[in-house]
Amino acid sequence: MESKLDKILRKLFSKFKGNFTDKLTSKNIPQWDSLNHLNLIMEVSKQFKIKFEFNEIININSIGDLKKRIKNKIV
């Protein structure tokens, strides 16, 4: 799961050169704006074959939040 997510993050946030740790937020990744937030959710939904509720989407504030939501849905 983590390697698949890492590929998605590297594709969407190509200018970010660090590691995608759980504590990273949009404040740490300049490309992570509202449009790319939706692109991230759509790509994760597609790749993992899962769906997010609206409240889940707006409450994903970090990489860790995203991982937790994915894990809960693919179990």
N, C-alpha and C. Protein backbone atom coordinates (compact mmCIF):
# COMPACT_ATOMS: atom_id res chain seq x y z
N MET A 1 0.82 -1.19 0.00
CA MET A 1 0.00 0.00 0.00
C MET A 1 0.86 1.25 0.00
N GLU A 2 1.89 1.25 0.82
CA GLU A 2 2.71 2.45 0.95
C GLU A 2 3.48 2.78 -0.32
N SER A 3 3.96 1.75 -1.01
CA SER A 3 4.71 2.02 -2.24
C SER A 3 3.79 2.55 -3.34
N LYS A 4 2.57 2.04 -3.39
CA LYS A 4 1.60 2.53 -4.38
C LYS A 4 1.25 3.99 -4.08
N LEU A 5 1.04 4.30 -2.82
CA LEU A 5 0.72 5.66 -2.42
C LEU A 5 1.91 6.58 -2.70
N ASP A 6 3.11 6.12 -2.43
CA ASP A 6 4.30 6.92 -2.69
C ASP A 6 4.40 7.29 -4.17
N LYS A 7 4.09 6.35 -5.06
CA LYS A 7 4.12 6.63 -6.50
C LYS A 7 3.11 7.70 -6.87
N ILE A 8 1.92 7.63 -6.27
CA ILE A 8 0.89 8.65 -6.53
C ILE A 8 1.37 10.01 -6.06
N LEU A 9 1.91 10.06 -4.85
CA LEU A 9 2.38 11.33 -4.28
C LEU A 9 3.53 11.90 -5.11
N ARG A 10 4.45 11.07 -5.54
CA ARG A 10 5.59 11.54 -6.34
C ARG A 10 5.12 12.09 -7.69
N LYS A 11 4.08 11.47 -8.24
CA LYS A 11 3.54 11.93 -9.53
C LYS A 11 2.86 13.29 -9.37
N LEU A 12 2.02 13.43 -8.36
CA LEU A 12 1.26 14.67 -8.17
C LEU A 12 2.10 15.82 -7.61
N PHE A 13 3.04 15.48 -6.75
CA PHE A 13 3.85 16.50 -6.09
C PHE A 13 5.31 16.34 -6.51
N SER A 14 5.54 16.40 -7.79
CA SER A 14 6.86 16.11 -8.37
C SER A 14 7.95 17.09 -7.94
N LYS A 15 7.59 18.28 -7.53
CA LYS A 15 8.60 19.25 -7.11
C LYS A 15 9.09 19.01 -5.68
N PHE A 16 8.35 18.21 -4.92
CA PHE A 16 8.75 17.91 -3.55
C PHE A 16 9.85 16.86 -3.57
N LYS A 17 10.97 17.14 -2.95
CA LYS A 17 12.14 16.26 -3.03
C LYS A 17 12.40 15.44 -1.77
N GLY A 18 11.60 15.63 -0.74
CA GLY A 18 11.82 14.88 0.50
C GLY A 18 11.07 13.57 0.52
N ASN A 19 11.03 12.97 1.70
CA ASN A 19 10.26 11.75 1.91
C ASN A 19 8.85 12.12 2.33
N PHE A 20 7.89 11.36 1.88
CA PHE A 20 6.50 11.61 2.24
C PHE A 20 6.18 10.93 3.57
N THR A 21 6.45 11.65 4.65
CA THR A 21 6.21 11.12 5.99
C THR A 21 4.76 11.40 6.41
N ASP A 22 4.31 10.69 7.42
CA ASP A 22 2.92 10.81 7.88
C ASP A 22 2.56 12.21 8.35
N LYS A 23 3.52 12.96 8.84
CA LYS A 23 3.24 14.28 9.40
C LYS A 23 3.18 15.40 8.37
N LEU A 24 3.55 15.10 7.13
CA LEU A 24 3.52 16.14 6.10
C LEU A 24 2.10 16.59 5.81
N THR A 25 1.94 17.90 5.64
CA THR A 25 0.65 18.50 5.33
C THR A 25 0.80 19.40 4.10
N SER A 26 -0.28 20.02 3.72
CA SER A 26 -0.23 20.93 2.58
C SER A 26 0.69 22.12 2.85
N LYS A 27 0.93 22.42 4.11
CA LYS A 27 1.85 23.51 4.46
C LYS A 27 3.29 23.17 4.11
N ASN A 28 3.60 21.87 4.09
CA ASN A 28 4.96 21.41 3.80
C ASN A 28 5.19 21.12 2.32
N ILE A 29 4.11 20.95 1.56
CA ILE A 29 4.21 20.58 0.15
C ILE A 29 3.55 21.69 -0.68
N PRO A 30 4.35 22.57 -1.27
CA PRO A 30 3.79 23.73 -1.98
C PRO A 30 2.77 23.38 -3.07
N GLN A 31 2.93 22.26 -3.74
CA GLN A 31 1.99 21.88 -4.80
C GLN A 31 0.66 21.38 -4.26
N TRP A 32 0.56 21.11 -2.97
CA TRP A 32 -0.65 20.55 -2.38
C TRP A 32 -1.64 21.68 -2.10
N ASP A 33 -2.32 22.10 -3.16
CA ASP A 33 -3.37 23.11 -3.04
C ASP A 33 -4.72 22.42 -3.15
N SER A 34 -5.79 23.19 -3.20
CA SER A 34 -7.13 22.59 -3.21
C SER A 34 -7.37 21.74 -4.45
N LEU A 35 -6.89 22.17 -5.59
CA LEU A 35 -7.07 21.39 -6.82
C LEU A 35 -6.29 20.09 -6.74
N ASN A 36 -5.05 20.14 -6.32
CA ASN A 36 -4.25 18.92 -6.21
C ASN A 36 -4.74 18.01 -5.08
N HIS A 37 -5.42 18.59 -4.10
CA HIS A 37 -6.03 17.76 -3.06
C HIS A 37 -7.09 16.86 -3.70
N LEU A 38 -7.91 17.45 -4.55
CA LEU A 38 -8.93 16.66 -5.25
C LEU A 38 -8.31 15.68 -6.22
N ASN A 39 -7.25 16.10 -6.91
CA ASN A 39 -6.54 15.18 -7.81
C ASN A 39 -5.97 14.00 -7.03
N LEU A 40 -5.45 14.27 -5.85
CA LEU A 40 -4.90 13.21 -5.00
C LEU A 40 -5.99 12.23 -4.59
N ILE A 41 -7.12 12.74 -4.16
CA ILE A 41 -8.23 11.89 -3.74
C ILE A 41 -8.74 11.04 -4.91
N MET A 42 -8.86 11.65 -6.08
CA MET A 42 -9.33 10.91 -7.25
C MET A 42 -8.35 9.82 -7.65
N GLU A 43 -7.07 10.12 -7.63
CA GLU A 43 -6.07 9.13 -8.02
C GLU A 43 -5.99 7.99 -7.01
N VAL A 44 -6.05 8.32 -5.73
CA VAL A 44 -6.05 7.28 -4.68
C VAL A 44 -7.30 6.42 -4.83
N SER A 45 -8.44 7.03 -5.05
CA SER A 45 -9.69 6.28 -5.23
C SER A 45 -9.58 5.32 -6.40
N LYS A 46 -9.02 5.79 -7.47
CA LYS A 46 -8.88 4.98 -8.68
C LYS A 46 -7.89 3.82 -8.46
N GLN A 47 -6.72 4.13 -7.94
CA GLN A 47 -5.67 3.12 -7.78
C GLN A 47 -6.00 2.06 -6.74
N PHE A 48 -6.68 2.47 -5.67
CA PHE A 48 -7.00 1.54 -4.59
C PHE A 48 -8.43 0.99 -4.70
N LYS A 49 -9.17 1.50 -5.70
CA LYS A 49 -10.56 1.06 -5.91
C LYS A 49 -11.41 1.25 -4.65
N ILE A 50 -11.33 2.47 -4.10
CA ILE A 50 -12.09 2.83 -2.91
C ILE A 50 -12.81 4.15 -3.17
N LYS A 51 -13.76 4.47 -2.30
CA LYS A 51 -14.48 5.74 -2.40
C LYS A 51 -14.41 6.44 -1.05
N PHE A 52 -14.35 7.76 -1.13
CA PHE A 52 -14.33 8.58 0.08
C PHE A 52 -15.62 9.37 0.18
N GLU A 53 -16.11 9.53 1.39
CA GLU A 53 -17.24 10.41 1.66
C GLU A 53 -16.72 11.85 1.70
N PHE A 54 -17.62 12.81 1.48
CA PHE A 54 -17.23 14.21 1.47
C PHE A 54 -16.51 14.61 2.76
N ASN A 55 -17.07 14.20 3.91
CA ASN A 55 -16.46 14.56 5.19
C ASN A 55 -15.05 13.99 5.34
N GLU A 56 -14.82 12.82 4.77
CA GLU A 56 -13.48 12.23 4.80
C GLU A 56 -12.51 13.08 3.97
N ILE A 57 -12.96 13.48 2.81
CA ILE A 57 -12.11 14.25 1.90
C ILE A 57 -11.65 15.55 2.55
N ILE A 58 -12.57 16.25 3.17
CA ILE A 58 -12.20 17.55 3.75
C ILE A 58 -11.41 17.41 5.05
N ASN A 59 -11.43 16.22 5.65
CA ASN A 59 -10.69 16.01 6.89
C ASN A 59 -9.34 15.32 6.70
N ILE A 60 -8.93 15.12 5.46
CA ILE A 60 -7.59 14.61 5.20
C ILE A 60 -6.64 15.81 5.16
N ASN A 61 -5.85 15.93 6.21
CA ASN A 61 -4.98 17.09 6.35
C ASN A 61 -3.50 16.75 6.31
N SER A 62 -3.20 15.46 6.28
CA SER A 62 -1.79 15.04 6.26
C SER A 62 -1.68 13.71 5.53
N ILE A 63 -0.46 13.33 5.23
CA ILE A 63 -0.21 12.03 4.61
C ILE A 63 -0.68 10.92 5.55
N GLY A 64 -0.45 11.10 6.84
CA GLY A 64 -0.89 10.12 7.82
C GLY A 64 -2.40 9.94 7.83
N ASP A 65 -3.14 11.06 7.73
CA ASP A 65 -4.60 10.98 7.65
C ASP A 65 -5.02 10.17 6.43
N LEU A 66 -4.39 10.43 5.31
CA LEU A 66 -4.71 9.73 4.07
C LEU A 66 -4.43 8.23 4.20
N LYS A 67 -3.27 7.88 4.75
CA LYS A 67 -2.93 6.47 4.94
C LYS A 67 -3.95 5.77 5.83
N LYS A 68 -4.35 6.43 6.91
CA LYS A 68 -5.31 5.84 7.83
C LYS A 68 -6.64 5.57 7.12
N ARG A 69 -7.09 6.52 6.32
CA ARG A 69 -8.36 6.35 5.59
C ARG A 69 -8.25 5.20 4.58
N ILE A 70 -7.13 5.13 3.89
CA ILE A 70 -6.94 4.04 2.91
C ILE A 70 -6.96 2.70 3.62
N LYS A 71 -6.19 2.58 4.70
CA LYS A 71 -6.11 1.31 5.45
C LYS A 71 -7.48 0.87 5.93
N ASN A 72 -8.29 1.82 6.41
CA ASN A 72 -9.63 1.49 6.90
C ASN A 72 -10.53 0.96 5.79
N LYS A 73 -10.29 1.40 4.57
CA LYS A 73 -11.15 1.02 3.45
C LYS A 73 -10.71 -0.25 2.74
N ILE A 74 -9.43 -0.58 2.80
CA ILE A 74 -8.97 -1.76 2.06
C ILE A 74 -8.88 -3.01 2.93
N VAL A 75 -9.17 -2.87 4.21
CA VAL A 75 -9.11 -4.02 5.12
C VAL A 75 -10.34 -4.89 4.94
